[in-house]
C-alpha atoms as a PDB file:
ATOM      1  CA  MET A   1     -51.660 -42.666 -29.209  1.00  0.00           C
ATOM      2  CA  SER A   2     -48.866 -44.123 -30.925  1.00  0.00           C
ATOM      3  CA  ASP A   3     -45.221 -45.120 -29.979  1.00  0.00           C
ATOM      4  CA  GLN A   4     -44.129 -42.074 -31.761  1.00  0.00           C
ATOM      5  CA  GLN A   5     -46.164 -39.567 -29.645  1.00  0.00           C
ATOM      6  CA  TRP A   6     -45.040 -41.106 -26.409  1.00  0.00           C
ATOM      7  CA  MET A   7     -41.591 -40.737 -27.464  1.00  0.00           C
ATOM      8  CA  GLN A   8     -42.264 -37.137 -28.383  1.00  0.00           C
ATOM      9  CA  ARG A   9     -43.284 -36.301 -24.979  1.00  0.00           C
ATOM     10  CA  ALA A  10     -40.178 -38.029 -23.590  1.00  0.00           C
ATOM     11  CA  LEU A  11     -38.251 -35.989 -25.717  1.00  0.00           C
ATOM     12  CA  GLU A  12     -40.302 -32.705 -24.546  1.00  0.00           C
ATOM     13  CA  LEU A  13     -39.504 -33.830 -21.032  1.00  0.00           C
ATOM     14  CA  ALA A  14     -35.621 -34.452 -21.498  1.00  0.00           C
ATOM     15  CA  ARG A  15     -35.233 -30.874 -22.789  1.00  0.00           C
ATOM     16  CA  LEU A  16     -36.166 -29.657 -19.611  1.00  0.00           C
ATOM     17  CA  GLY A  17     -32.801 -30.548 -18.239  1.00  0.00           C
ATOM     18  CA  LEU A  18     -30.898 -28.336 -20.593  1.00  0.00           C
ATOM     19  CA  GLY A  19     -28.160 -26.662 -18.759  1.00  0.00           C
ATOM     20  CA  ASN A  20     -28.501 -28.569 -15.671  1.00  0.00           C
ATOM     21  CA  VAL A  21     -27.208 -32.223 -16.417  1.00  0.00           C
ATOM     22  CA  SER A  22     -23.982 -31.744 -18.506  1.00  0.00           C
ATOM     23  CA  PRO A  23     -21.684 -33.709 -18.916  1.00  0.00           C
ATOM     24  CA  ASN A  24     -24.629 -36.128 -18.582  1.00  0.00           C
ATOM     25  CA  PRO A  25     -27.033 -36.251 -21.390  1.00  0.00           C
ATOM     26  CA  MET A  26     -30.664 -34.923 -21.384  1.00  0.00           C
ATOM     27  CA  VAL A  27     -33.004 -37.876 -20.926  1.00  0.00           C
ATOM     28  CA  GLY A  28     -36.820 -38.346 -20.729  1.00  0.00           C
ATOM     29  CA  CYS A  29     -38.627 -41.318 -19.740  1.00  0.00           C
ATOM     30  CA  VAL A  30     -42.548 -42.124 -20.044  1.00  0.00           C
ATOM     31  CA  ILE A  31     -44.360 -45.157 -18.733  1.00  0.00           C
ATOM     32  CA  VAL A  32     -47.375 -45.920 -20.250  1.00  0.00           C
ATOM     33  CA  LYS A  33     -50.317 -48.816 -19.600  1.00  0.00           C
ATOM     34  CA  ASP A  34     -53.299 -49.106 -21.598  1.00  0.00           C
ATOM     35  CA  ASP A  35     -52.590 -46.095 -23.596  1.00  0.00           C
ATOM     36  CA  LYS A  36     -52.346 -43.728 -20.448  1.00  0.00           C
ATOM     37  CA  ILE A  37     -49.170 -42.350 -18.860  1.00  0.00           C
ATOM     38  CA  ILE A  38     -48.797 -43.717 -15.413  1.00  0.00           C
ATOM     39  CA  GLY A  39     -45.480 -42.129 -14.681  1.00  0.00           C
ATOM     40  CA  GLU A  40     -42.772 -39.821 -16.110  1.00  0.00           C
ATOM     41  CA  GLY A  41     -39.731 -38.136 -15.572  1.00  0.00           C
ATOM     42  CA  TYR A  42     -36.658 -36.407 -16.756  1.00  0.00           C
ATOM     43  CA  HIS A  43     -32.993 -36.038 -15.695  1.00  0.00           C
ATOM     44  CA  GLU A  44     -33.138 -32.790 -13.779  1.00  0.00           C
ATOM     45  CA  GLN A  45     -29.957 -32.234 -12.342  1.00  0.00           C
ATOM     46  CA  TYR A  46     -26.469 -33.516 -12.755  1.00  0.00           C
ATOM     47  CA  GLY A  47     -25.622 -36.024  -9.913  1.00  0.00           C
ATOM     48  CA  GLY A  48     -29.467 -36.461  -9.183  1.00  0.00           C
ATOM     49  CA  PRO A  49     -31.832 -39.329  -9.946  1.00  0.00           C
ATOM     50  CA  HIS A  50     -31.917 -40.173 -13.910  1.00  0.00           C
ATOM     51  CA  ALA A  51     -35.028 -40.152 -15.923  1.00  0.00           C
ATOM     52  CA  GLU A  52     -36.080 -43.806 -15.376  1.00  0.00           C
ATOM     53  CA  VAL A  53     -35.753 -43.299 -11.504  1.00  0.00           C
ATOM     54  CA  ASN A  54     -38.074 -40.251 -11.653  1.00  0.00           C
ATOM     55  CA  ALA A  55     -40.621 -41.778 -13.955  1.00  0.00           C
ATOM     56  CA  VAL A  56     -40.721 -45.270 -11.979  1.00  0.00           C
ATOM     57  CA  GLN A  57     -41.135 -43.275  -8.668  1.00  0.00           C
ATOM     58  CA  ALA A  58     -44.002 -41.252 -10.227  1.00  0.00           C
ATOM     59  CA  VAL A  59     -45.847 -44.637 -10.713  1.00  0.00           C
ATOM     60  CA  LYS A  60     -48.521 -44.861  -7.889  1.00  0.00           C
ATOM     61  CA  ASP A  61     -49.192 -48.477  -8.261  1.00  0.00           C
ATOM     62  CA  GLN A  62     -45.877 -50.132  -8.806  1.00  0.00           C
ATOM     63  CA  SER A  63     -47.635 -53.342  -9.769  1.00  0.00           C
ATOM     64  CA  LEU A  64     -48.697 -51.796 -13.097  1.00  0.00           C
ATOM     65  CA  LEU A  65     -45.067 -51.800 -14.362  1.00  0.00           C
ATOM     66  CA  VAL A  66     -45.182 -55.226 -15.434  1.00  0.00           C
ATOM     67  CA  GLN A  67     -47.560 -54.646 -17.920  1.00  0.00           C
ATOM     68  CA  SER A  68     -45.996 -51.353 -19.126  1.00  0.00           C
ATOM     69  CA  THR A  69     -43.775 -49.750 -21.632  1.00  0.00           C
ATOM     70  CA  ALA A  70     -41.289 -47.384 -20.876  1.00  0.00           C
ATOM     71  CA  TYR A  71     -40.338 -44.840 -23.554  1.00  0.00           C
ATOM     72  CA  VAL A  72     -36.913 -43.585 -22.949  1.00  0.00           C
ATOM     73  CA  THR A  73     -34.746 -41.082 -25.038  1.00  0.00           C
ATOM     74  CA  LEU A  74     -31.461 -42.587 -24.665  1.00  0.00           C
ATOM     75  CA  GLU A  75     -30.455 -46.164 -23.589  1.00  0.00           C
ATOM     76  CA  PRO A  76     -30.566 -46.811 -19.914  1.00  0.00           C
ATOM     77  CA  CYS A  77     -27.328 -46.812 -18.289  1.00  0.00           C
ATOM     78  CA  SER A  78     -25.538 -50.030 -17.087  1.00  0.00           C
ATOM     79  CA  HIS A  79     -22.699 -48.924 -15.110  1.00  0.00           C
ATOM     80  CA  PHE A  80     -22.480 -47.364 -11.726  1.00  0.00           C
ATOM     81  CA  GLY A  81     -21.681 -43.555 -11.751  1.00  0.00           C
ATOM     82  CA  LYS A  82     -23.207 -41.229  -9.374  1.00  0.00           C
ATOM     83  CA  THR A  83     -26.259 -43.291  -9.352  1.00  0.00           C
ATOM     84  CA  PRO A  84     -27.189 -47.016  -9.871  1.00  0.00           C
ATOM     85  CA  PRO A  85     -27.797 -48.416 -13.283  1.00  0.00           C
ATOM     86  CA  CYS A  86     -31.256 -47.618 -14.822  1.00  0.00           C
ATOM     87  CA  ALA A  87     -31.063 -50.761 -16.841  1.00  0.00           C
ATOM     88  CA  ASP A  88     -31.139 -52.862 -13.514  1.00  0.00           C
ATOM     89  CA  LEU A  89     -34.106 -50.706 -12.173  1.00  0.00           C
ATOM     90  CA  LEU A  90     -36.231 -51.451 -15.137  1.00  0.00           C
ATOM     91  CA  VAL A  91     -35.376 -55.141 -14.931  1.00  0.00           C
ATOM     92  CA  ARG A  92     -36.074 -55.284 -11.134  1.00  0.00           C
ATOM     93  CA  HIS A  93     -39.525 -54.136 -11.912  1.00  0.00           C
ATOM     94  CA  GLN A  94     -39.992 -56.385 -14.860  1.00  0.00           C
ATOM     95  CA  VAL A  95     -41.174 -53.423 -17.169  1.00  0.00           C
ATOM     96  CA  LYS A  96     -42.939 -55.392 -20.354  1.00  0.00           C
ATOM     97  CA  ARG A  97     -41.408 -53.468 -22.987  1.00  0.00           C
ATOM     98  CA  VAL A  98     -38.745 -50.563 -23.366  1.00  0.00           C
ATOM     99  CA  VAL A  99     -38.715 -48.459 -26.410  1.00  0.00           C
ATOM    100  CA  ILE A 100     -35.473 -46.458 -26.910  1.00  0.00           C
ATOM    101  CA  CYS A 101     -34.458 -43.259 -29.094  1.00  0.00           C
ATOM    102  CA  ASN A 102     -30.861 -43.511 -29.234  1.00  0.00           C
ATOM    103  CA  GLU A 103     -28.306 -46.002 -28.146  1.00  0.00           C
ATOM    104  CA  ASP A 104     -25.628 -44.487 -25.760  1.00  0.00           C
ATOM    105  CA  PRO A 105     -22.260 -43.474 -27.237  1.00  0.00           C
ATOM    106  CA  ASN A 106     -20.440 -43.730 -23.975  1.00  0.00           C
ATOM    107  CA  PRO A 107     -18.056 -46.798 -23.909  1.00  0.00           C
ATOM    108  CA  LEU A 108     -19.156 -47.324 -20.415  1.00  0.00           C
ATOM    109  CA  VAL A 109     -22.797 -48.204 -21.818  1.00  0.00           C
ATOM    110  CA  ALA A 110     -22.553 -48.647 -25.571  1.00  0.00           C
ATOM    111  CA  GLY A 111     -25.414 -51.455 -26.187  1.00  0.00           C
ATOM    112  CA  GLN A 112     -24.723 -52.979 -22.500  1.00  0.00           C
ATOM    113  CA  GLY A 113     -27.802 -51.625 -21.210  1.00  0.00           C
ATOM    114  CA  ILE A 114     -29.982 -52.914 -24.049  1.00  0.00           C
ATOM    115  CA  GLU A 115     -28.284 -56.242 -23.645  1.00  0.00           C
ATOM    116  CA  ARG A 116     -29.234 -56.547 -19.937  1.00  0.00           C
ATOM    117  CA  LEU A 117     -32.847 -55.483 -21.008  1.00  0.00           C
ATOM    118  CA  ARG A 118     -33.148 -58.278 -23.455  1.00  0.00           C
ATOM    119  CA  ASN A 119     -31.282 -61.006 -21.297  1.00  0.00           C
ATOM    120  CA  ALA A 120     -34.286 -60.261 -18.620  1.00  0.00           C
ATOM    121  CA  GLY A 121     -36.731 -61.137 -21.347  1.00  0.00           C
ATOM    122  CA  ILE A 122     -37.867 -57.529 -21.642  1.00  0.00           C
ATOM    123  CA  GLU A 123     -38.834 -56.569 -25.287  1.00  0.00           C
ATOM    124  CA  VAL A 124     -36.659 -53.758 -26.516  1.00  0.00           C
ATOM    125  CA  GLU A 125     -37.097 -51.584 -29.608  1.00  0.00           C
ATOM    126  CA  ILE A 126     -34.368 -49.034 -30.698  1.00  0.00           C
ATOM    127  CA  GLY A 127     -34.154 -46.110 -33.179  1.00  0.00           C
ATOM    128  CA  LEU A 128     -37.791 -44.451 -32.539  1.00  0.00           C
ATOM    129  CA  LEU A 129     -37.163 -40.670 -33.515  1.00  0.00           C
ATOM    130  CA  LYS A 130     -33.646 -41.113 -33.427  1.00  0.00           C
ATOM    131  CA  GLU A 131     -32.793 -38.143 -35.464  1.00  0.00           C
ATOM    132  CA  GLU A 132     -34.583 -35.838 -32.945  1.00  0.00           C
ATOM    133  CA  GLY A 133     -32.748 -37.562 -30.372  1.00  0.00           C
ATOM    134  CA  ARG A 134     -29.246 -36.983 -31.945  1.00  0.00           C
ATOM    135  CA  VAL A 135     -30.518 -33.059 -32.224  1.00  0.00           C
ATOM    136  CA  LEU A 136     -31.274 -33.042 -28.606  1.00  0.00           C
ATOM    137  CA  ASN A 137     -28.178 -34.605 -27.183  1.00  0.00           C
ATOM    138  CA  ARG A 138     -25.892 -33.247 -30.047  1.00  0.00           C
ATOM    139  CA  ARG A 139     -23.436 -31.713 -27.463  1.00  0.00           C
ATOM    140  CA  PHE A 140     -23.227 -35.132 -25.957  1.00  0.00           C
ATOM    141  CA  PHE A 141     -22.757 -37.102 -29.101  1.00  0.00           C
ATOM    142  CA  THR A 142     -20.059 -34.608 -30.412  1.00  0.00           C
ATOM    143  CA  ALA A 143     -18.174 -35.147 -27.087  1.00  0.00           C
ATOM    144  CA  PHE A 144     -17.906 -38.956 -27.738  1.00  0.00           C
ATOM    145  CA  GLU A 145     -18.020 -39.108 -31.393  1.00  0.00           C
ATOM    146  CA  LYS A 146     -15.643 -36.006 -32.395  1.00  0.00           C
ATOM    147  CA  LYS A 147     -13.722 -36.054 -28.895  1.00  0.00           C
ATOM    148  CA  ARG A 148     -14.525 -32.262 -28.794  1.00  0.00           C
ATOM    149  CA  PRO A 149     -16.811 -29.856 -27.227  1.00  0.00           C
ATOM    150  CA  TYR A 150     -19.853 -28.822 -29.418  1.00  0.00           C
ATOM    151  CA  VAL A 151     -18.906 -25.520 -30.857  1.00  0.00           C
ATOM    152  CA  ILE A 152     -21.540 -22.509 -31.136  1.00  0.00           C
ATOM    153  CA  LEU A 153     -20.454 -19.474 -32.983  1.00  0.00           C
ATOM    154  CA  LYS A 154     -22.351 -16.300 -31.872  1.00  0.00           C
ATOM    155  CA  TRP A 155     -21.780 -12.742 -33.078  1.00  0.00           C
ATOM    156  CA  ALA A 156     -23.830  -9.534 -34.188  1.00  0.00           C
ATOM    157  CA  GLN A 157     -23.266  -7.732 -37.275  1.00  0.00           C
ATOM    158  CA  THR A 158     -24.422  -4.765 -39.077  1.00  0.00           C
ATOM    159  CA  THR A 159     -26.349  -5.022 -42.098  1.00  0.00           C
ATOM    160  CA  ASP A 160     -23.455  -3.820 -44.236  1.00  0.00           C
ATOM    161  CA  GLY A 161     -21.417  -6.850 -42.666  1.00  0.00           C
ATOM    162  CA  PHE A 162     -19.327  -5.087 -39.688  1.00  0.00           C
ATOM    163  CA  VAL A 163     -18.937  -6.613 -36.320  1.00  0.00           C
ATOM    164  CA  ALA A 164     -17.202  -3.682 -34.751  1.00  0.00           C
ATOM    165  CA  ARG A 165     -15.959  -0.115 -35.594  1.00  0.00           C
ATOM    166  CA  GLU A 166     -12.345   0.322 -36.914  1.00  0.00           C
ATOM    167  CA  ASN A 167     -11.437   1.326 -33.166  1.00  0.00           C
ATOM    168  CA  TYR A 168     -12.901  -2.034 -32.102  1.00  0.00           C
ATOM    169  CA  ASP A 169     -15.998  -0.552 -30.582  1.00  0.00           C
ATOM    170  CA  SER A 170     -18.920  -2.804 -30.926  1.00  0.00           C
ATOM    171  CA  LYS A 171     -21.374  -1.969 -28.099  1.00  0.00           C
ATOM    172  CA  TRP A 172     -24.233  -2.283 -28.849  1.00  0.00           C
ATOM    173  CA  ILE A 173     -24.925  -3.678 -32.274  1.00  0.00           C
ATOM    174  CA  SER A 174     -27.713  -5.895 -31.555  1.00  0.00           C
ATOM    175  CA  ASN A 175     -30.977  -4.838 -29.354  1.00  0.00           C
ATOM    176  CA  THR A 176     -31.672  -5.394 -25.593  1.00  0.00           C
ATOM    177  CA  TYR A 177     -33.949  -8.290 -26.084  1.00  0.00           C
ATOM    178  CA  SER A 178     -31.095  -9.989 -28.552  1.00  0.00           C
ATOM    179  CA  ARG A 179     -28.597  -9.633 -25.885  1.00  0.00           C
ATOM    180  CA  GLN A 180     -30.979 -10.907 -23.163  1.00  0.00           C
ATOM    181  CA  LEU A 181     -31.473 -14.023 -25.500  1.00  0.00           C
ATOM    182  CA  VAL A 182     -27.611 -14.379 -25.677  1.00  0.00           C
ATOM    183  CA  HIS A 183     -27.543 -14.693 -21.764  1.00  0.00           C
ATOM    184  CA  LYS A 184     -30.208 -17.403 -21.936  1.00  0.00           C
ATOM    185  CA  TRP A 185     -27.971 -19.218 -24.233  1.00  0.00           C
ATOM    186  CA  ARG A 186     -24.819 -18.775 -22.038  1.00  0.00           C
ATOM    187  CA  ALA A 187     -26.968 -20.546 -19.153  1.00  0.00           C
ATOM    188  CA  GLU A 188     -27.624 -23.475 -21.355  1.00  0.00           C
ATOM    189  CA  GLU A 189     -24.046 -24.051 -22.294  1.00  0.00           C
ATOM    190  CA  ASP A 190     -21.061 -25.477 -20.320  1.00  0.00           C
ATOM    191  CA  ALA A 191     -18.642 -22.738 -21.453  1.00  0.00           C
ATOM    192  CA  ILE A 192     -17.714 -19.575 -23.290  1.00  0.00           C
ATOM    193  CA  LEU A 193     -14.688 -18.277 -24.967  1.00  0.00           C
ATOM    194  CA  VAL A 194     -13.260 -14.604 -26.341  1.00  0.00           C
ATOM    195  CA  GLY A 195     -10.352 -13.877 -27.917  1.00  0.00           C
ATOM    196  CA  THR A 196      -7.698 -11.100 -26.725  1.00  0.00           C
ATOM    197  CA  ASN A 197      -9.078  -8.142 -28.652  1.00  0.00           C
ATOM    198  CA  THR A 198     -12.872  -8.646 -27.530  1.00  0.00           C
ATOM    199  CA  ALA A 199     -11.237  -9.038 -23.776  1.00  0.00           C
ATOM    200  CA  ARG A 200      -9.467  -5.961 -24.263  1.00  0.00           C
ATOM    201  CA  TYR A 201     -11.935  -3.725 -26.064  1.00  0.00           C
ATOM    202  CA  ASP A 202     -15.240  -4.856 -24.824  1.00  0.00           C
ATOM    203  CA  ASN A 203     -14.221  -5.869 -21.255  1.00  0.00           C
ATOM    204  CA  PRO A 204     -16.951  -8.493 -21.070  1.00  0.00           C
ATOM    205  CA  SER A 205     -18.107 -10.439 -18.013  1.00  0.00           C
ATOM    206  CA  LEU A 206     -19.527 -13.336 -19.929  1.00  0.00           C
ATOM    207  CA  THR A 207     -22.058 -14.204 -17.194  1.00  0.00           C
ATOM    208  CA  THR A 208     -25.759 -14.663 -17.320  1.00  0.00           C
ATOM    209  CA  ARG A 209     -26.620 -11.484 -15.175  1.00  0.00           C
ATOM    210  CA  ASP A 210     -29.567 -10.945 -17.400  1.00  0.00           C
ATOM    211  CA  TRP A 211     -31.134 -14.675 -17.204  1.00  0.00           C
ATOM    212  CA  LYS A 212     -31.754 -16.849 -14.452  1.00  0.00           C
ATOM    213  CA  GLY A 213     -29.393 -19.819 -14.742  1.00  0.00           C
ATOM    214  CA  LYS A 214     -25.773 -20.930 -14.059  1.00  0.00           C
ATOM    215  CA  ASN A 215     -22.751 -18.959 -15.664  1.00  0.00           C
ATOM    216  CA  PRO A 216     -20.556 -20.667 -18.184  1.00  0.00           C
ATOM    217  CA  VAL A 217     -17.104 -21.653 -17.194  1.00  0.00           C
ATOM    218  CA  ARG A 218     -15.024 -18.533 -18.851  1.00  0.00           C
ATOM    219  CA  PHE A 219     -12.270 -19.041 -21.321  1.00  0.00           C
ATOM    220  CA  PHE A 220      -9.996 -16.137 -22.902  1.00  0.00           C
ATOM    221  CA  ILE A 221      -6.867 -15.797 -24.872  1.00  0.00           C
ATOM    222  CA  ASP A 222      -3.767 -13.687 -23.768  1.00  0.00           C
ATOM    223  CA  ARG A 223      -0.739 -15.056 -25.515  1.00  0.00           C
ATOM    224  CA  THR A 224       1.613 -12.627 -24.127  1.00  0.00           C
ATOM    225  CA  LEU A 225      -0.216 -11.475 -20.971  1.00  0.00           C
ATOM    226  CA  GLU A 226      -0.728  -8.321 -21.705  1.00  0.00           C
ATOM    227  CA  LEU A 227      -4.147  -7.565 -20.707  1.00  0.00           C
ATOM    228  CA  ASN A 228      -5.376  -5.451 -17.649  1.00  0.00           C
ATOM    229  CA  LYS A 229      -5.556  -7.562 -14.890  1.00  0.00           C
ATOM    230  CA  GLY A 230      -8.480  -5.594 -13.432  1.00  0.00           C
ATOM    231  CA  MET A 231     -10.597  -6.466 -16.137  1.00  0.00           C
ATOM    232  CA  HIS A 232     -14.036  -8.318 -15.849  1.00  0.00           C
ATOM    233  CA  LEU A 233     -12.667 -11.716 -16.759  1.00  0.00           C
ATOM    234  CA  MET A 234     -10.055 -11.774 -13.791  1.00  0.00           C
ATOM    235  CA  ASP A 235     -12.457 -10.546 -11.561  1.00  0.00           C
ATOM    236  CA  GLY A 236     -12.495 -14.155  -9.443  1.00  0.00           C
ATOM    237  CA  THR A 237     -16.365 -14.466  -9.426  1.00  0.00           C
ATOM    238  CA  VAL A 238     -16.556 -17.188 -12.139  1.00  0.00           C
ATOM    239  CA  PRO A 239     -14.159 -20.227 -12.710  1.00  0.00           C
ATOM    240  CA  THR A 240     -11.970 -18.829 -15.654  1.00  0.00           C
ATOM    241  CA  TYR A 241      -9.162 -20.139 -17.657  1.00  0.00           C
ATOM    242  CA  CYS A 242      -6.655 -18.076 -19.939  1.00  0.00           C
ATOM    243  CA  PHE A 243      -4.764 -19.680 -22.823  1.00  0.00           C
ATOM    244  CA  THR A 244      -1.116 -18.157 -22.749  1.00  0.00           C
ATOM    245  CA  GLU A 245       2.120 -18.880 -24.305  1.00  0.00           C
ATOM    246  CA  GLY A 246       3.499 -17.154 -21.085  1.00  0.00           C
ATOM    247  CA  GLU A 247       3.746 -18.024 -17.448  1.00  0.00           C
ATOM    248  CA  ASP A 248       1.793 -16.711 -14.689  1.00  0.00           C
ATOM    249  CA  GLU A 249       0.549 -17.805 -11.298  1.00  0.00           C
ATOM    250  CA  ASN A 250      -3.144 -18.891 -10.784  1.00  0.00           C
ATOM    251  CA  ARG A 251      -5.301 -16.805  -8.499  1.00  0.00           C
ATOM    252  CA  GLN A 252      -8.833 -17.373  -7.248  1.00  0.00           C
ATOM    253  CA  ASN A 253     -10.958 -18.700  -9.876  1.00  0.00           C
ATOM    254  CA  LEU A 254      -8.433 -17.774 -12.587  1.00  0.00           C
ATOM    255  CA  THR A 255      -6.109 -20.524 -13.984  1.00  0.00           C
ATOM    256  CA  PHE A 256      -3.362 -20.090 -16.500  1.00  0.00           C
ATOM    257  CA  ILE A 257      -3.373 -22.677 -19.294  1.00  0.00           C
ATOM    258  CA  GLN A 258       0.177 -22.592 -20.849  1.00  0.00           C
ATOM    259  CA  GLN A 259       0.296 -23.842 -24.574  1.00  0.00           C
ATOM    260  CA  GLU A 260       3.353 -23.815 -26.753  1.00  0.00           C
ATOM    261  CA  GLN A 261       1.008 -22.600 -29.756  1.00  0.00           C
ATOM    262  CA  ILE A 262      -2.543 -21.460 -29.434  1.00  0.00           C
ATOM    263  CA  THR A 263      -4.622 -22.964 -32.173  1.00  0.00           C
ATOM    264  CA  PRO A 264      -8.287 -24.153 -32.184  1.00  0.00           C
ATOM    265  CA  GLU A 265      -7.347 -27.635 -32.017  1.00  0.00           C
ATOM    266  CA  ALA A 266      -5.089 -27.115 -28.903  1.00  0.00           C
ATOM    267  CA  ILE A 267      -7.826 -25.049 -27.213  1.00  0.00           C
ATOM    268  CA  LEU A 268     -10.555 -27.618 -27.928  1.00  0.00           C
ATOM    269  CA  ALA A 269      -8.212 -30.495 -26.743  1.00  0.00           C
ATOM    270  CA  SER A 270      -7.866 -28.706 -23.406  1.00  0.00           C
ATOM    271  CA  ILE A 271     -11.470 -27.886 -22.916  1.00  0.00           C
ATOM    272  CA  SER A 272     -12.172 -31.645 -23.663  1.00  0.00           C
ATOM    273  CA  GLU A 273     -10.120 -32.911 -21.084  1.00  0.00           C
ATOM    274  CA  MET A 274     -12.281 -30.867 -18.651  1.00  0.00           C
ATOM    275  CA  LYS A 275     -15.134 -32.930 -19.591  1.00  0.00           C
ATOM    276  CA  ILE A 276     -16.635 -29.709 -21.122  1.00  0.00           C
ATOM    277  CA  GLN A 277     -19.166 -30.772 -23.941  1.00  0.00           C
ATOM    278  CA  SER A 278     -20.411 -27.552 -25.090  1.00  0.00           C
ATOM    279  CA  LEU A 279     -18.599 -24.048 -25.922  1.00  0.00           C
ATOM    280  CA  ILE A 280     -19.798 -20.507 -27.248  1.00  0.00           C
ATOM    281  CA  ILE A 281     -17.438 -18.393 -28.843  1.00  0.00           C
ATOM    282  CA  GLU A 282     -18.367 -14.729 -28.670  1.00  0.00           C
ATOM    283  CA  GLY A 283     -15.418 -12.931 -30.596  1.00  0.00           C
ATOM    284  CA  GLY A 284     -13.725 -11.563 -32.067  1.00  0.00           C
ATOM    285  CA  SER A 285     -13.539 -11.990 -35.988  1.00  0.00           C
ATOM    286  CA  GLY A 286     -10.076 -13.412 -36.149  1.00  0.00           C
ATOM    287  CA  LEU A 287     -10.987 -16.103 -33.566  1.00  0.00           C
ATOM    288  CA  PHE A 288     -14.259 -16.890 -35.341  1.00  0.00           C
ATOM    289  CA  ASN A 289     -12.292 -17.279 -38.625  1.00  0.00           C
ATOM    290  CA  SER A 290      -9.888 -19.429 -37.446  1.00  0.00           C
ATOM    291  CA  PHE A 291     -12.524 -21.846 -36.289  1.00  0.00           C
ATOM    292  CA  ILE A 292     -14.351 -21.568 -39.394  1.00  0.00           C
ATOM    293  CA  GLU A 293     -11.205 -22.124 -41.728  1.00  0.00           C
ATOM    294  CA  ARG A 294     -10.510 -25.352 -39.942  1.00  0.00           C
ATOM    295  CA  GLY A 295     -14.234 -26.632 -39.908  1.00  0.00           C
ATOM    296  CA  LEU A 296     -14.373 -26.766 -36.136  1.00  0.00           C
ATOM    297  CA  TRP A 297     -17.897 -25.346 -35.477  1.00  0.00           C
ATOM    298  CA  ASP A 298     -21.121 -26.978 -35.311  1.00  0.00           C
ATOM    299  CA  GLU A 299     -23.576 -24.109 -35.294  1.00  0.00           C
ATOM    300  CA  ALA A 300     -23.533 -20.454 -35.911  1.00  0.00           C
ATOM    301  CA  ARG A 301     -26.192 -17.807 -34.355  1.00  0.00           C
ATOM    302  CA  VAL A 302     -25.831 -14.572 -36.127  1.00  0.00           C
ATOM    303  CA  PHE A 303     -27.738 -11.617 -35.231  1.00  0.00           C
ATOM    304  CA  ILE A 304     -28.286  -8.887 -38.183  1.00  0.00           C
ATOM    305  CA  ALA A 305     -29.030  -5.497 -36.699  1.00  0.00           C
ATOM    306  CA  PRO A 306     -30.752  -2.442 -38.628  1.00  0.00           C
ATOM    307  CA  HIS A 307     -27.373  -0.487 -38.456  1.00  0.00           C
ATOM    308  CA  THR A 308     -24.677   0.167 -40.785  1.00  0.00           C
ATOM    309  CA  PHE A 309     -21.088   1.229 -39.960  1.00  0.00           C
ATOM    310  CA  GLY A 310     -19.693   2.210 -43.611  1.00  0.00           C
ATOM    311  CA  LYS A 311     -16.360   0.711 -42.459  1.00  0.00           C
ATOM    312  CA  GLY A 312     -14.982  -1.204 -39.667  1.00  0.00           C
ATOM    313  CA  ILE A 313     -14.117  -5.063 -38.824  1.00  0.00           C
ATOM    314  CA  ALA A 314     -15.520  -7.350 -41.350  1.00  0.00           C
ATOM    315  CA  ALA A 315     -18.011 -10.130 -40.170  1.00  0.00           C
ATOM    316  CA  PRO A 316     -16.922 -13.639 -40.639  1.00  0.00           C
ATOM    317  CA  HIS A 317     -18.042 -15.468 -43.920  1.00  0.00           C
ATOM    318  CA  ILE A 318     -20.005 -18.331 -42.784  1.00  0.00           C
ATOM    319  CA  SER A 319     -20.935 -21.281 -45.068  1.00  0.00           C
ATOM    320  CA  GLY A 320     -23.425 -23.743 -43.937  1.00  0.00           C
ATOM    321  CA  GLU A 321     -26.971 -24.999 -43.632  1.00  0.00           C
ATOM    322  CA  LEU A 322     -29.592 -22.172 -42.958  1.00  0.00           C
ATOM    323  CA  LEU A 323     -31.519 -24.007 -40.235  1.00  0.00           C
ATOM    324  CA  SER A 324     -33.874 -20.855 -39.144  1.00  0.00           C
ATOM    325  CA  ALA A 325     -34.190 -17.166 -39.827  1.00  0.00           C
ATOM    326  CA  GLU A 326     -36.443 -15.277 -37.326  1.00  0.00           C
ATOM    327  CA  ASP A 327     -37.126 -11.678 -36.119  1.00  0.00           C
ATOM    328  CA  VAL A 328     -36.063 -10.560 -32.737  1.00  0.00           C
ATOM    329  CA  LEU A 329     -37.706  -7.195 -32.237  1.00  0.00           C
ATOM    330  CA  GLY A 330     -36.047  -5.723 -35.266  1.00  0.00           C
ATOM    331  CA  ASP A 331     -32.840  -7.789 -35.412  1.00  0.00           C
ATOM    332  CA  ARG A 332     -32.763 -10.878 -37.451  1.00  0.00           C
ATOM    333  CA  LEU A 333     -31.274 -13.963 -36.153  1.00  0.00           C
ATOM    334  CA  LEU A 334     -30.011 -16.585 -38.527  1.00  0.00           C
ATOM    335  CA  ILE A 335     -28.996 -20.025 -37.192  1.00  0.00           C
ATOM    336  CA  TYR A 336     -26.692 -22.163 -39.321  1.00  0.00           C
ATOM    337  CA  LYS A 337     -25.454 -25.825 -39.021  1.00  0.00           C
ATOM    338  CA  ASN A 338     -22.058 -26.826 -40.252  1.00  0.00           C
ATOM    339  CA  HIS A 339     -22.402 -29.206 -43.315  1.00  0.00           C
END
């Protein structure tokens, strides 16, 4: 087995934390001696033990650690957060060698974990499968490097290019399986946003009721506070925030964020202040276009269903790199990355 194969295993483990560790990154760790895994683990839950801790604890004979290599997908932390520094743990056990996929962009770490390991005489290598690591933790890197959440646009459109009929009716363009897949995506991200018309005409719940997992924090726009107070988004069941230019009193699980001018930049700034690292935008067309025009998106997931409307509300025009195209039981799912 090669270093690359062990790191690939660490990346596979890290992915298991998707949806459960934010605002922390997904991290996997594999400990190897004599070409055999003697311990492995990943960061399973925010506030819980980090990957290195779980991997070290999985090693039955701790005396083997001094002759072992630890493969970690992100630089071991060097500061006290909800858990002690993982760099200190590896130093304490005198691990012989540490191979790291990515350096941590968090200023609280940013090379200090690597320095601590090297100062202790541990051999450190950095950058193995670094592109795969950046893709894995794209939400985490975006939050620190761009100072905003990772933005995912998601919509369904007909084959003739419409997201809704002229009366804003859009239920249901995509099929049942596609809609269940969307609920899975919601469970993997921190937050979700819709515009006023989507809230008014679709009355969405924006929850993960068709998938096991946490509900994302809900955001919607209501500039003039004209929406019906009985709609699902105001039911108090999930933490929800309303961007408005008016004033209203907060209620259970419903907070009003007053902004002089509601723009994509202002929305993302407010969400970023809440330590939210990923945001799915699920409509409507005007909201999509405002983010697309400003280049404030990272990924677009577009379902094309085998229906036609003839006329209606046009789907957004997306210009990006096509990452994948697949069939979802008759729907076509296209995933784009922003250039």
